[in-house]
C-alpha cells in the first residue's frame, strides 16, 4: 500500500509539474502575443492618425479649389477671350503700319526743319 501511495504521489507530482510547465509556457506565449498585439494597435493608431491628417488636408485643399472654381472662366469664356486676343493682334498690326506712315512723315518734317535751320 505504501508503494502504491508513493507511486500515486509521484504521479501527482509529475502531473503538477507538467501542469505548471504548460501554464508557464501558455502564459509566456500569451504575454508575447499581447505585446505584439499592443505594438500592432499602436502602429495602426499611428497610421490612422496620419491618414486622418492627410484626409483632412486633402479635404481642405478640395474646399479651397471648389471655392475658386466659380471665379474661373468656362470654355465659352476662354474661346471668347481667344477670339478677342486674335482681334487685338490684328488691330495692333494695323496700328503698327499706321505708325510707320507717321514715322515717315515725322522724318520728312525733321529733315525739313534741319535744312531750314542750316540754310
PDB file of N, CA and C in Angstrom:
ATOM      1  N   UNK A   1       0.793  -1.172   0.000  1.00  0.00           N
ATOM      2  CA  UNK A   1       0.000   0.000   0.000  1.00  0.00           C
ATOM      3  C   UNK A   1       0.856   1.265   0.000  1.00  0.00           C
ATOM      4  N   UNK A   2       1.919   1.260   0.728  1.00  0.00           N
ATOM      5  CA  UNK A   2       2.816   2.417   0.761  1.00  0.00           C
ATOM      6  C   UNK A   2       3.444   2.605  -0.616  1.00  0.00           C
ATOM      7  N   UNK A   3       3.755   1.517  -1.240  1.00  0.00           N
ATOM      8  CA  UNK A   3       4.320   1.608  -2.577  1.00  0.00           C
ATOM      9  C   UNK A   3       3.314   2.253  -3.529  1.00  0.00           C
ATOM     10  N   UNK A   4       2.094   1.878  -3.408  1.00  0.00           N
ATOM     11  CA  UNK A   4       1.046   2.430  -4.258  1.00  0.00           C
ATOM     12  C   UNK A   4       0.866   3.906  -3.959  1.00  0.00           C
ATOM     13  N   UNK A   5       0.919   4.251  -2.690  1.00  0.00           N
ATOM     14  CA  UNK A   5       0.770   5.645  -2.287  1.00  0.00           C
ATOM     15  C   UNK A   5       1.945   6.474  -2.811  1.00  0.00           C
ATOM     16  N   UNK A   6       3.167   5.932  -2.726  1.00  0.00           N
ATOM     17  CA  UNK A   6       4.352   6.646  -3.237  1.00  0.00           C
ATOM     18  C   UNK A   6       4.218   6.834  -4.744  1.00  0.00           C
ATOM     19  N   UNK A   7       3.785   5.772  -5.400  1.00  0.00           N
ATOM     20  CA  UNK A   7       3.630   5.849  -6.848  1.00  0.00           C
ATOM     21  C   UNK A   7       2.544   6.869  -7.222  1.00  0.00           C
ATOM     22  N   UNK A   8       1.469   6.858  -6.492  1.00  0.00           N
ATOM     23  CA  UNK A   8       0.384   7.798  -6.739  1.00  0.00           C
ATOM     24  C   UNK A   8       0.843   9.234  -6.496  1.00  0.00           C
ATOM     25  N   UNK A   9       1.584   9.468  -5.398  1.00  0.00           N
ATOM     26  CA  UNK A   9       2.092  10.817  -5.110  1.00  0.00           C
ATOM     27  C   UNK A   9       3.116  11.253  -6.147  1.00  0.00           C
ATOM     28  N   UNK A  10       3.944  10.336  -6.606  1.00  0.00           N
ATOM     29  CA  UNK A  10       4.910  10.654  -7.671  1.00  0.00           C
ATOM     30  C   UNK A  10       4.167  11.059  -8.939  1.00  0.00           C
ATOM     31  N   UNK A  11       3.129  10.300  -9.267  1.00  0.00           N
ATOM     32  CA  UNK A  11       2.322  10.623 -10.454  1.00  0.00           C
ATOM     33  C   UNK A  11       1.667  11.981 -10.316  1.00  0.00           C
ATOM     34  N   UNK A  12       1.149  12.269  -9.120  1.00  0.00           N
ATOM     35  CA  UNK A  12       0.516  13.579  -8.885  1.00  0.00           C
ATOM     36  C   UNK A  12       1.566  14.682  -9.001  1.00  0.00           C
ATOM     37  N   UNK A  13       2.777  14.444  -8.459  1.00  0.00           N
ATOM     38  CA  UNK A  13       3.853  15.440  -8.528  1.00  0.00           C
ATOM     39  C   UNK A  13       4.236  15.689  -9.981  1.00  0.00           C
ATOM     40  N   UNK A  14       4.344  14.612 -10.763  1.00  0.00           N
ATOM     41  CA  UNK A  14       4.682  14.772 -12.190  1.00  0.00           C
ATOM     42  C   UNK A  14       3.565  15.532 -12.902  1.00  0.00           C
ATOM     43  N   UNK A  15       2.337  15.197 -12.590  1.00  0.00           N
ATOM     44  CA  UNK A  15       1.197  15.874 -13.218  1.00  0.00           C
ATOM     45  C   UNK A  15       1.194  17.353 -12.863  1.00  0.00           C
ATOM     46  N   UNK A  16       1.466  17.678 -11.602  1.00  0.00           N
ATOM     47  CA  UNK A  16       1.525  19.087 -11.174  1.00  0.00           C
ATOM     48  C   UNK A  16       2.669  19.794 -11.880  1.00  0.00           C
ATOM     49  N   UNK A  17       3.819  19.115 -12.005  1.00  0.00           N
ATOM     50  CA  UNK A  17       4.966  19.716 -12.700  1.00  0.00           C
ATOM     51  C   UNK A  17       4.616  19.983 -14.157  1.00  0.00           C
ATOM     52  N   UNK A  18       3.995  19.011 -14.805  1.00  0.00           N
ATOM     53  CA  UNK A  18       3.603  19.188 -16.210  1.00  0.00           C
ATOM     54  C   UNK A  18       2.562  20.299 -16.354  1.00  0.00           C
ATOM     55  N   UNK A  19       1.628  20.342 -15.448  1.00  0.00           N
ATOM     56  CA  UNK A  19       0.607  21.392 -15.488  1.00  0.00           C
ATOM     57  C   UNK A  19       1.251  22.761 -15.275  1.00  0.00           C
ATOM     58  N   UNK A  20       2.205  22.846 -14.349  1.00  0.00           N
ATOM     59  CA  UNK A  20       2.905  24.120 -14.101  1.00  0.00           C
ATOM     60  C   UNK A  20       3.690  24.538 -15.338  1.00  0.00           C
ATOM     61  N   UNK A  21       4.375  23.576 -15.946  1.00  0.00           N
ATOM     62  CA  UNK A  21       5.133  23.864 -17.165  1.00  0.00           C
ATOM     63  C   UNK A  21       4.204  24.346 -18.280  1.00  0.00           C
ATOM     64  N   UNK A  22       3.089  23.651 -18.466  1.00  0.00           N
ATOM     65  CA  UNK A  22       2.128  24.026 -19.510  1.00  0.00           C
ATOM     66  C   UNK A  22       1.566  25.416 -19.239  1.00  0.00           C
ATOM     67  N   UNK A  23       1.243  25.708 -17.980  1.00  0.00           N
ATOM     68  CA  UNK A  23       0.713  27.023 -17.637  1.00  0.00           C
ATOM     69  C   UNK A  23       1.758  28.108 -17.902  1.00  0.00           C
ATOM     70  N   UNK A  24       3.006  27.873 -17.497  1.00  0.00           N
ATOM     71  CA  UNK A  24       4.075  28.863 -17.708  1.00  0.00           C
ATOM     72  C   UNK A  24       4.294  29.094 -19.196  1.00  0.00           C
ATOM     73  N   UNK A  25       4.337  28.006 -19.951  1.00  0.00           N
ATOM     74  CA  UNK A  25       4.549  28.129 -21.399  1.00  0.00           C
ATOM     75  C   UNK A  25       3.390  28.889 -22.042  1.00  0.00           C
ATOM     76  N   UNK A  26       2.176  28.550 -21.654  1.00  0.00           N
ATOM     77  CA  UNK A  26       0.992  29.193 -22.216  1.00  0.00           C
ATOM     78  C   UNK A  26       0.938  30.672 -21.838  1.00  0.00           C
ATOM     79  N   UNK A  27       1.205  31.014 -20.604  1.00  0.00           N
ATOM     80  CA  UNK A  27       1.135  32.420 -20.182  1.00  0.00           C
ATOM     81  C   UNK A  27       2.249  33.245 -20.822  1.00  0.00           C
ATOM     82  N   UNK A  28       3.440  32.650 -20.983  1.00  0.00           N
ATOM     83  CA  UNK A  28       4.537  33.355 -21.654  1.00  0.00           C
ATOM     84  C   UNK A  28       4.162  33.630 -23.104  1.00  0.00           C
ATOM     85  N   UNK A  29       3.598  32.630 -23.760  1.00  0.00           N
ATOM     86  CA  UNK A  29       3.177  32.792 -25.142  1.00  0.00           C
ATOM     87  C   UNK A  29       2.092  33.855 -25.255  1.00  0.00           C
ATOM     88  N   UNK A  30       1.145  33.834 -24.340  1.00  0.00           N
ATOM     89  CA  UNK A  30       0.067  34.836 -24.352  1.00  0.00           C
ATOM     90  C   UNK A  30       0.611  36.238 -24.122  1.00  0.00           C
ATOM     91  N   UNK A  31       1.600  36.353 -23.212  1.00  0.00           N
ATOM     92  CA  UNK A  31       2.194  37.658 -22.920  1.00  0.00           C
ATOM     93  C   UNK A  31       2.894  38.199 -24.167  1.00  0.00           C
ATOM     94  N   UNK A  32       3.635  37.336 -24.867  1.00  0.00           N
ATOM     95  CA  UNK A  32       4.322  37.756 -26.095  1.00  0.00           C
ATOM     96  C   UNK A  32       3.305  38.158 -27.161  1.00  0.00           C
ATOM     97  N   UNK A  33       2.241  37.392 -27.271  1.00  0.00           N
ATOM     98  CA  UNK A  33       1.206  37.723 -28.251  1.00  0.00           C
ATOM     99  C   UNK A  33       0.510  39.034 -27.900  1.00  0.00           C
ATOM    100  N   UNK A  34       0.259  39.233 -26.611  1.00  0.00           N
ATOM    101  CA  UNK A  34      -0.355  40.500 -26.184  1.00  0.00           C
ATOM    102  C   UNK A  34       0.554  41.670 -26.512  1.00  0.00           C
ATOM    103  N   UNK A  35       1.871  41.497 -26.286  1.00  0.00           N
ATOM    104  CA  UNK A  35       2.820  42.569 -26.596  1.00  0.00           C
ATOM    105  C   UNK A  35       2.803  42.864 -28.103  1.00  0.00           C
ATOM    106  N   UNK A  36       2.759  41.822 -28.924  1.00  0.00           N
ATOM    107  CA  UNK A  36       2.687  42.017 -30.372  1.00  0.00           C
ATOM    108  C   UNK A  36       1.393  42.722 -30.762  1.00  0.00           C
ATOM    109  N   UNK A  37       0.308  42.312 -30.146  1.00  0.00           N
ATOM    110  CA  UNK A  37      -0.985  42.931 -30.439  1.00  0.00           C
ATOM    111  C   UNK A  37      -0.976  44.400 -30.059  1.00  0.00           C
ATOM    112  N   UNK A  38      -0.408  44.730 -28.914  1.00  0.00           N
ATOM    113  CA  UNK A  38      -0.336  46.132 -28.484  1.00  0.00           C
ATOM    114  C   UNK A  38       0.528  46.945 -29.453  1.00  0.00           C
ATOM    115  N   UNK A  39       1.667  46.351 -29.878  1.00  0.00           N
ATOM    116  CA  UNK A  39       2.531  47.048 -30.832  1.00  0.00           C
ATOM    117  C   UNK A  39       1.785  47.296 -32.140  1.00  0.00           C
ATOM    118  N   UNK A  40       1.032  46.311 -32.585  1.00  0.00           N
ATOM    119  CA  UNK A  40       0.254  46.473 -33.814  1.00  0.00           C
ATOM    120  C   UNK A  40      -0.841  47.521 -33.645  1.00  0.00           C
ATOM    121  N   UNK A  41      -1.471  47.539 -32.485  1.00  0.00           N
ATOM    122  CA  UNK A  41      -2.501  48.552 -32.226  1.00  0.00           C
ATOM    123  C   UNK A  41      -1.906  49.956 -32.284  1.00  0.00           C
ATOM    124  N   UNK A  42      -0.727  50.121 -31.675  1.00  0.00           N
ATOM    125  CA  UNK A  42      -0.067  51.431 -31.697  1.00  0.00           C
ATOM    126  C   UNK A  42       0.281  51.828 -33.124  1.00  0.00           C
ATOM    127  N   UNK A  43       0.779  50.849 -33.887  1.00  0.00           N
ATOM    128  CA  UNK A  43       1.145  51.125 -35.278  1.00  0.00           C
ATOM    129  C   UNK A  43      -0.087  51.514 -36.094  1.00  0.00           C
ATOM    130  N   UNK A  44      -1.181  50.800 -35.884  1.00  0.00           N
ATOM    131  CA  UNK A  44      -2.422  51.110 -36.597  1.00  0.00           C
ATOM    132  C   UNK A  44      -2.921  52.492 -36.194  1.00  0.00           C
ATOM    133  N   UNK A  45      -2.849  52.810 -34.919  1.00  0.00           N
ATOM    134  CA  UNK A  45      -3.284  54.130 -34.453  1.00  0.00           C
ATOM    135  C   UNK A  45      -2.439  55.222 -35.087  1.00  0.00           C
ATOM    136  N   UNK A  46      -1.143  54.983 -35.210  1.00  0.00           N
ATOM    137  CA  UNK A  46      -0.257  55.967 -35.825  1.00  0.00           C
ATOM    138  C   UNK A  46      -0.605  56.158 -37.295  1.00  0.00           C
ATOM    139  N   UNK A  47      -0.838  55.047 -38.004  1.00  0.00           N
ATOM    140  CA  UNK A  47      -1.200  55.137 -39.421  1.00  0.00           C
ATOM    141  C   UNK A  47      -2.557  55.823 -39.569  1.00  0.00           C
ATOM    142  N   UNK A  48      -3.517  55.468 -38.717  1.00  0.00           N
ATOM    143  CA  UNK A  48      -4.829  56.106 -38.772  1.00  0.00           C
ATOM    144  C   UNK A  48      -4.720  57.601 -38.507  1.00  0.00           C
ATOM    145  N   UNK A  49      -3.858  57.973 -37.567  1.00  0.00           N
ATOM    146  CA  UNK A  49      -3.670  59.393 -37.266  1.00  0.00           C
ATOM    147  C   UNK A  49      -3.116  60.140 -38.460  1.00  0.00           C
ATOM    148  N   UNK A  50      -2.105  59.539 -39.113  1.00  0.00           N
ATOM    149  CA  UNK A  50      -1.539  60.178 -40.304  1.00  0.00           C
ATOM    150  C   UNK A  50      -2.564  60.229 -41.429  1.00  0.00           C
ATOM    151  N   UNK A  51      -3.321  59.139 -41.581  1.00  0.00           N
ATOM    152  CA  UNK A  51      -4.328  59.101 -42.640  1.00  0.00           C
ATOM    153  C   UNK A  51      -5.385  60.161 -42.381  1.00  0.00           C
ATOM    154  N   UNK A  52      -5.795  60.304 -41.139  1.00  0.00           N
ATOM    155  CA  UNK A  52      -6.803  61.317 -40.799  1.00  0.00           C
ATOM    156  C   UNK A  52      -6.257  62.711 -41.102  1.00  0.00           C
ATOM    157  N   UNK A  53      -4.983  62.935 -40.783  1.00  0.00           N
ATOM    158  CA  UNK A  53      -4.371  64.224 -41.081  1.00  0.00           C
ATOM    159  C   UNK A  53      -4.333  64.454 -42.585  1.00  0.00           C
ATOM    160  N   UNK A  54      -3.908  63.421 -43.342  1.00  0.00           N
ATOM    161  CA  UNK A  54      -3.852  63.557 -44.794  1.00  0.00           C
ATOM    162  C   UNK A  54      -5.235  63.781 -45.388  1.00  0.00           C
ATOM    163  N   UNK A  55      -6.221  63.074 -44.896  1.00  0.00           N
ATOM    164  CA  UNK A  55      -7.587  63.245 -45.394  1.00  0.00           C
ATOM    165  C   UNK A  55      -8.079  64.647 -45.073  1.00  0.00           C
ATOM    166  N   UNK A  56      -7.772  65.126 -43.874  1.00  0.00           N
ATOM    167  CA  UNK A  56      -8.171  66.488 -43.510  1.00  0.00           C
ATOM    168  C   UNK A  56      -7.515  67.520 -44.411  1.00  0.00           C
ATOM    169  N   UNK A  57      -6.230  67.339 -44.683  1.00  0.00           N
ATOM    170  CA  UNK A  57      -5.517  68.267 -45.565  1.00  0.00           C
ATOM    171  C   UNK A  57      -6.108  68.231 -46.972  1.00  0.00           C
ATOM    172  N   UNK A  58      -6.374  67.026 -47.462  1.00  0.00           N
ATOM    173  CA  UNK A  58      -6.955  66.904 -48.799  1.00  0.00           C
ATOM    174  C   UNK A  58      -8.349  67.531 -48.858  1.00  0.00           C
ATOM    175  N   UNK A  59      -9.118  67.347 -47.810  1.00  0.00           N
ATOM    176  CA  UNK A  59     -10.451  67.941 -47.755  1.00  0.00           C
ATOM    177  C   UNK A  59     -10.343  69.466 -47.809  1.00  0.00           C
ATOM    178  N   UNK A  60      -9.372  70.032 -47.075  1.00  0.00           N
ATOM    179  CA  UNK A  60      -9.165  71.488 -47.100  1.00  0.00           C
ATOM    180  C   UNK A  60      -8.768  71.967 -48.488  1.00  0.00           C
ATOM    181  N   UNK A  61      -7.857  71.217 -49.141  1.00  0.00           N
ATOM    182  CA  UNK A  61      -7.423  71.597 -50.484  1.00  0.00           C
ATOM    183  C   UNK A  61      -8.588  71.558 -51.462  1.00  0.00           C
ATOM    184  N   UNK A  62      -9.402  70.518 -51.372  1.00  0.00           N
ATOM    185  CA  UNK A  62     -10.557  70.398 -52.264  1.00  0.00           C
ATOM    186  C   UNK A  62     -11.523  71.549 -52.031  1.00  0.00           C
ATOM    187  N   UNK A  63     -11.734  71.901 -50.773  1.00  0.00           N
ATOM    188  CA  UNK A  63     -12.629  73.017 -50.448  1.00  0.00           C
ATOM    189  C   UNK A  63     -12.110  74.314 -51.059  1.00  0.00           C
ATOM    190  N   UNK A  64     -10.793  74.558 -50.928  1.00  0.00           N
ATOM    191  CA  UNK A  64     -10.217  75.787 -51.496  1.00  0.00           C
ATOM    192  C   UNK A  64     -10.364  75.812 -53.016  1.00  0.00           C
ATOM    193  N   UNK A  65     -10.127  74.673 -53.662  1.00  0.00           N
ATOM    194  CA  UNK A  65     -10.264  74.611 -55.122  1.00  0.00           C
ATOM    195  C   UNK A  65     -11.716  74.838 -55.528  1.00  0.00           C
ATOM    196  N   UNK A  66     -12.638  74.207 -54.814  1.00  0.00           N
ATOM    197  CA  UNK A  66     -14.060  74.377 -55.134  1.00  0.00           C
ATOM    198  C   UNK A  66     -14.506  75.828 -54.943  1.00  0.00           C
ATOM    199  N   UNK A  67     -13.917  76.536 -53.986  1.00  0.00           N
ATOM    200  CA  UNK A  67     -14.257  77.938 -53.787  1.00  0.00           C
ATOM    201  C   UNK A  67     -13.760  78.796 -54.949  1.00  0.00           C
ATOM    202  N   UNK A  68     -12.640  78.416 -55.565  1.00  0.00           N
ATOM    203  CA  UNK A  68     -12.067  79.200 -56.660  1.00  0.00           C
ATOM    204  C   UNK A  68     -12.702  78.876 -58.010  1.00  0.00           C
ATOM    205  N   UNK A  69     -13.262  77.690 -58.164  1.00  0.00           N
ATOM    206  CA  UNK A  69     -13.805  77.269 -59.452  1.00  0.00           C
ATOM    207  C   UNK A  69     -14.865  78.198 -60.028  1.00  0.00           C
ATOM    208  N   UNK A  70     -15.802  78.699 -59.252  1.00  0.00           N
ATOM    209  CA  UNK A  70     -16.823  79.568 -59.855  1.00  0.00           C
ATOM    210  C   UNK A  70     -16.244  80.853 -60.459  1.00  0.00           C
ATOM    211  N   UNK A  71     -15.079  81.279 -59.993  1.00  0.00           N
ATOM    212  CA  UNK A  71     -14.484  82.522 -60.474  1.00  0.00           C
ATOM    213  C   UNK A  71     -13.645  82.322 -61.728  1.00  0.00           C
ATOM    214  N   UNK A  72     -13.381  81.084 -62.091  1.00  0.00           N
ATOM    215  CA  UNK A  72     -12.566  80.806 -63.273  1.00  0.00           C
ATOM    216  C   UNK A  72     -13.443  80.838 -64.517  1.00  0.00           C
ATOM    217  N   UNK A  73     -12.845  81.243 -65.658  1.00  0.00           N
ATOM    218  CA  UNK A  73     -13.633  81.273 -66.898  1.00  0.00           C
ATOM    219  C   UNK A  73     -13.954  79.854 -67.375  1.00  0.00           C
ATOM    220  N   UNK A  74     -15.131  79.728 -67.998  1.00  0.00           N
ATOM    221  CA  UNK A  74     -15.503  78.429 -68.551  1.00  0.00           C
ATOM    222  C   UNK A  74     -14.983  78.324 -69.988  1.00  0.00           C
ATOM    223  N   UNK A  75     -15.322  77.252 -70.669  1.00  0.00           N
ATOM    224  CA  UNK A  75     -14.801  77.025 -72.017  1.00  0.00           C
ATOM    225  C   UNK A  75     -15.267  78.109 -72.988  1.00  0.00           C
ATOM    226  N   UNK A  76     -16.515  78.507 -72.878  1.00  0.00           N
ATOM    227  CA  UNK A  76     -17.060  79.541 -73.765  1.00  0.00           C
ATOM    228  C   UNK A  76     -16.322  80.860 -73.559  1.00  0.00           C
ATOM    229  N   UNK A  77     -16.104  81.226 -72.295  1.00  0.00           N
ATOM    230  CA  UNK A  77     -15.392  82.476 -71.992  1.00  0.00           C
ATOM    231  C   UNK A  77     -13.963  82.431 -72.512  1.00  0.00           C
ATOM    232  N   UNK A  78     -13.315  81.286 -72.349  1.00  0.00           N
ATOM    233  CA  UNK A  78     -11.942  81.154 -72.844  1.00  0.00           C
ATOM    234  C   UNK A  78     -11.899  81.295 -74.370  1.00  0.00           C
ATOM    235  N   UNK A  79     -12.893  80.745 -75.063  1.00  0.00           N
ATOM    236  CA  UNK A  79     -12.944  80.863 -76.516  1.00  0.00           C
ATOM    237  C   UNK A  79     -13.139  82.334 -76.914  1.00  0.00           C
ATOM    238  N   UNK A  80     -14.035  83.023 -76.210  1.00  0.00           N
ATOM    239  CA  UNK A  80     -14.260  84.441 -76.493  1.00  0.00           C
ATOM    240  C   UNK A  80     -12.989  85.254 -76.247  1.00  0.00           C
ATOM    241  N   UNK A  81     -12.283  84.934 -75.162  1.00  0.00           N
ATOM    242  CA  UNK A  81     -11.020  85.630 -74.878  1.00  0.00           C
ATOM    243  C   UNK A  81     -10.004  85.391 -75.986  1.00  0.00           C
ATOM    244  N   UNK A  82      -9.935  84.165 -76.458  1.00  0.00           N
ATOM    245  CA  UNK A  82      -9.003  83.836 -77.534  1.00  0.00           C
ATOM    246  C   UNK A  82      -9.338  84.633 -78.794  1.00  0.00           C
ATOM    247  N   UNK A  83     -10.624  84.714 -79.134  1.00  0.00           N
ATOM    248  CA  UNK A  83     -11.041  85.487 -80.319  1.00  0.00           C
ATOM    249  C   UNK A  83     -10.699  86.961 -80.151  1.00  0.00           C
ATOM    250  N   UNK A  84     -10.930  87.497 -78.972  1.00  0.00           N
ATOM    251  CA  UNK A  84     -10.620  88.911 -78.730  1.00  0.00           C
ATOM    252  C   UNK A  84      -9.121  89.180 -78.810  1.00  0.00           C
ATOM    253  N   UNK A  85      -8.332  88.251 -78.317  1.00  0.00           N
ATOM    254  CA  UNK A  85      -6.875  88.423 -78.400  1.00  0.00           C
ATOM    255  C   UNK A  85      -6.427  88.422 -79.860  1.00  0.00           C
ATOM    256  N   UNK A  86      -6.992  87.517 -80.664  1.00  0.00           N
ATOM    257  CA  UNK A  86      -6.664  87.497 -82.096  1.00  0.00           C
ATOM    258  C   UNK A  86      -7.076  88.807 -82.761  1.00  0.00           C
ATOM    259  N   UNK A  87      -8.253  89.318 -82.394  1.00  0.00           N
ATOM    260  CA  UNK A  87      -8.727  90.586 -82.943  1.00  0.00           C
ATOM    261  C   UNK A  87      -7.780  91.720 -82.564  1.00  0.00           C
ATOM    262  N   UNK A  88      -7.345  91.736 -81.312  1.00  0.00           N
ATOM    263  CA  UNK A  88      -6.397  92.766 -80.858  1.00  0.00           C
ATOM    264  C   UNK A  88      -5.069  92.640 -81.589  1.00  0.00           C
ATOM    265  N   UNK A  89      -4.666  91.417 -81.889  1.00  0.00           N
ATOM    266  CA  UNK A  89      -3.417  91.202 -82.619  1.00  0.00           C
ATOM    267  C   UNK A  89      -3.517  91.843 -84.007  1.00  0.00           C
ATOM    268  N   UNK A  90      -4.667  91.637 -84.665  1.00  0.00           N
ATOM    269  CA  UNK A  90      -4.873  92.263 -85.977  1.00  0.00           C
ATOM    270  C   UNK A  90      -4.886  93.779 -85.870  1.00  0.00           C
ATOM    271  N   UNK A  91      -5.561  94.301 -84.844  1.00  0.00           N
ATOM    272  CA  UNK A  91      -5.599  95.753 -84.651  1.00  0.00           C
ATOM    273  C   UNK A  91      -4.200  96.312 -84.421  1.00  0.00           C
ATOM    274  N   UNK A  92      -3.388  95.594 -83.664  1.00  0.00           N
ATOM    275  CA  UNK A  92      -2.026  96.078 -83.386  1.00  0.00           C
ATOM    276  C   UNK A  92      -1.180  96.079 -84.656  1.00  0.00           C
ATOM    277  N   UNK A  93      -1.381  95.090 -85.528  1.00  0.00           N
ATOM    278  CA  UNK A  93      -0.636  95.087 -86.800  1.00  0.00           C
ATOM    279  C   UNK A  93      -1.035  96.291 -87.648  1.00  0.00           C
ATOM    280  N   UNK A  94      -2.338  96.580 -87.679  1.00  0.00           N
ATOM    281  CA  UNK A  94      -2.804  97.746 -88.444  1.00  0.00           C
ATOM    282  C   UNK A  94      -2.234  99.029 -87.841  1.00  0.00           C
ATOM    283  N   UNK A  95      -2.216  99.117 -86.522  1.00  0.00           N
ATOM    284  CA  UNK A  95      -1.673 100.295 -85.846  1.00  0.00           C
ATOM    285  C   UNK A  95      -0.180 100.437 -86.129  1.00  0.00           C
ATOM    286  N   UNK A  96       0.523  99.321 -86.195  1.00  0.00           N
ATOM    287  CA  UNK A  96       1.961  99.346 -86.487  1.00  0.00           C
ATOM    288  C   UNK A  96       2.203  99.912 -87.892  1.00  0.00           C
ATOM    289  N   UNK A  97       1.376  99.488 -88.833  1.00  0.00           N
ATOM    290  CA  UNK A  97       1.515 100.010 -90.196  1.00  0.00           C
ATOM    291  C   UNK A  97       1.217 101.512 -90.234  1.00  0.00           C
ATOM    292  N   UNK A  98       0.200 101.921 -89.494  1.00  0.00           N
ATOM    293  CA  UNK A  98      -0.141 103.354 -89.458  1.00  0.00           C
ATOM    294  C   UNK A  98       0.993 104.148 -88.825  1.00  0.00           C
ATOM    295  N   UNK A  99       1.602 103.597 -87.791  1.00  0.00           N
ATOM    296  CA  UNK A  99       2.711 104.315 -87.140  1.00  0.00           C
ATOM    297  C   UNK A  99       3.930 104.403 -88.045  1.00  0.00           C
ATOM    298  N   UNK A 100       4.128 103.434 -88.928  1.00  0.00           N
ATOM    299  CA  UNK A 100       5.237 103.534 -89.884  1.00  0.00           C
ATOM    300  C   UNK A 100       5.025 104.718 -90.816  1.00  0.00           C
ATOM    301  N   UNK A 101       3.771 104.918 -91.222  1.00  0.00           N
ATOM    302  CA  UNK A 101       3.466 106.087 -92.068  1.00  0.00           C
ATOM    303  C   UNK A 101       3.719 107.379 -91.322  1.00  0.00           C
ATOM    304  N   UNK A 102       3.293 107.440 -90.066  1.00  0.00           N
ATOM    305  CA  UNK A 102       3.507 108.649 -89.263  1.00  0.00           C
ATOM    306  C   UNK A 102       5.005 108.863 -89.051  1.00  0.00           C
ATOM    307  N   UNK A 103       5.756 107.771 -88.853  1.00  0.00           N
ATOM    308  CA  UNK A 103       7.199 107.883 -88.645  1.00  0.00           C
ATOM    309  C   UNK A 103       7.864 108.461 -89.897  1.00  0.00           C
ATOM    310  N   UNK A 104       7.410 108.014 -91.063  1.00  0.00           N
ATOM    311  CA  UNK A 104       7.957 108.568 -92.316  1.00  0.00           C
ATOM    312  C   UNK A 104       7.675 110.054 -92.425  1.00  0.00           C
ATOM    313  N   UNK A 105       6.482 110.475 -92.079  1.00  0.00           N
ATOM    314  CA  UNK A 105       6.123 111.889 -92.133  1.00  0.00           C
ATOM    315  C   UNK A 105       6.944 112.693 -91.129  1.00  0.00           C
ATOM    316  N   UNK A 106       7.173 112.131 -89.942  1.00  0.00           N
ATOM    317  CA  UNK A 106       7.978 112.827 -88.930  1.00  0.00           C
ATOM    318  C   UNK A 106       9.421 112.979 -89.387  1.00  0.00           C
ATOM    319  N   UNK A 107       9.950 111.959 -90.031  1.00  0.00           N
ATOM    320  CA  UNK A 107      11.330 112.044 -90.525  1.00  0.00           C
ATOM    321  C   UNK A 107      11.434 113.112 -91.609  1.00  0.00           C
ATOM    322  N   UNK A 108      10.423 113.176 -92.464  1.00  0.00           N
ATOM    323  CA  UNK A 108      10.413 114.198 -93.517  1.00  0.00           C
ATOM    324  C   UNK A 108      10.343 115.598 -92.888  1.00  0.00           C
ATOM    325  N   UNK A 109       9.461 115.753 -91.901  1.00  0.00           N
ATOM    326  CA  UNK A 109       9.340 117.054 -91.230  1.00  0.00           C
ATOM    327  C   UNK A 109      10.632 117.391 -90.500  1.00  0.00           C
ATOM    328  N   UNK A 110      11.260 116.433 -89.874  1.00  0.00           N
ATOM    329  CA  UNK A 110      12.511 116.649 -89.155  1.00  0.00           C
ATOM    330  C   UNK A 110      13.616 117.066 -90.123  1.00  0.00           C
ATOM    331  N   UNK A 111      13.701 116.373 -91.273  1.00  0.00           N
ATOM    332  CA  UNK A 111      14.706 116.752 -92.281  1.00  0.00           C
ATOM    333  C   UNK A 111      14.466 118.178 -92.792  1.00  0.00           C
ATOM    334  N   UNK A 112      13.220 118.522 -93.022  1.00  0.00           N
ATOM    335  CA  UNK A 112      12.893 119.869 -93.492  1.00  0.00           C
ATOM    336  C   UNK A 112      13.314 120.913 -92.466  1.00  0.00           C
ATOM    337  N   UNK A 113      13.007 120.670 -91.195  1.00  0.00           N
ATOM    338  CA  UNK A 113      13.359 121.624 -90.146  1.00  0.00           C
ATOM    339  C   UNK A 113      14.871 121.751 -90.002  1.00  0.00           C
ATOM    340  N   UNK A 114      15.592 120.647 -90.157  1.00  0.00           N
ATOM    341  CA  UNK A 114      17.053 120.721 -90.070  1.00  0.00           C
ATOM    342  C   UNK A 114      17.634 121.508 -91.239  1.00  0.00           C
ATOM    343  N   UNK A 115      17.086 121.350 -92.438  1.00  0.00           N
ATOM    344  CA  UNK A 115      17.580 122.114 -93.607  1.00  0.00           C
ATOM    345  C   UNK A 115      17.262 123.597 -93.451  1.00  0.00           C
ATOM    346  N   UNK A 116      16.097 123.912 -92.928  1.00  0.00           N
ATOM    347  CA  UNK A 116      15.709 125.306 -92.710  1.00  0.00           C
ATOM    348  C   UNK A 116      16.619 125.974 -91.711  1.00  0.00           C
ATOM    349  N   UNK A 117      17.020 125.232 -90.721  1.00  0.00           N
ATOM    350  CA  UNK A 117      17.864 125.775 -89.655  1.00  0.00           C
ATOM    351  C   UNK A 117      19.258 126.084 -90.206  1.00  0.00           C
ATOM    352  N   UNK A 118      19.774 125.215 -91.073  1.00  0.00           N
ATOM    353  CA  UNK A 118      21.114 125.401 -91.624  1.00  0.00           C
ATOM    354  C   UNK A 118      21.096 126.510 -92.681  1.00  0.00           C
ATOM    355  N   UNK A 119      20.073 126.536 -93.387  1.00  0.00           N
ATOM    356  CA  UNK A 119      20.070 127.391 -94.540  1.00  0.00           C
ATOM    357  C   UNK A 119      19.517 128.717 -94.366  1.00  0.00           C
TER     358      UNK A 119
END
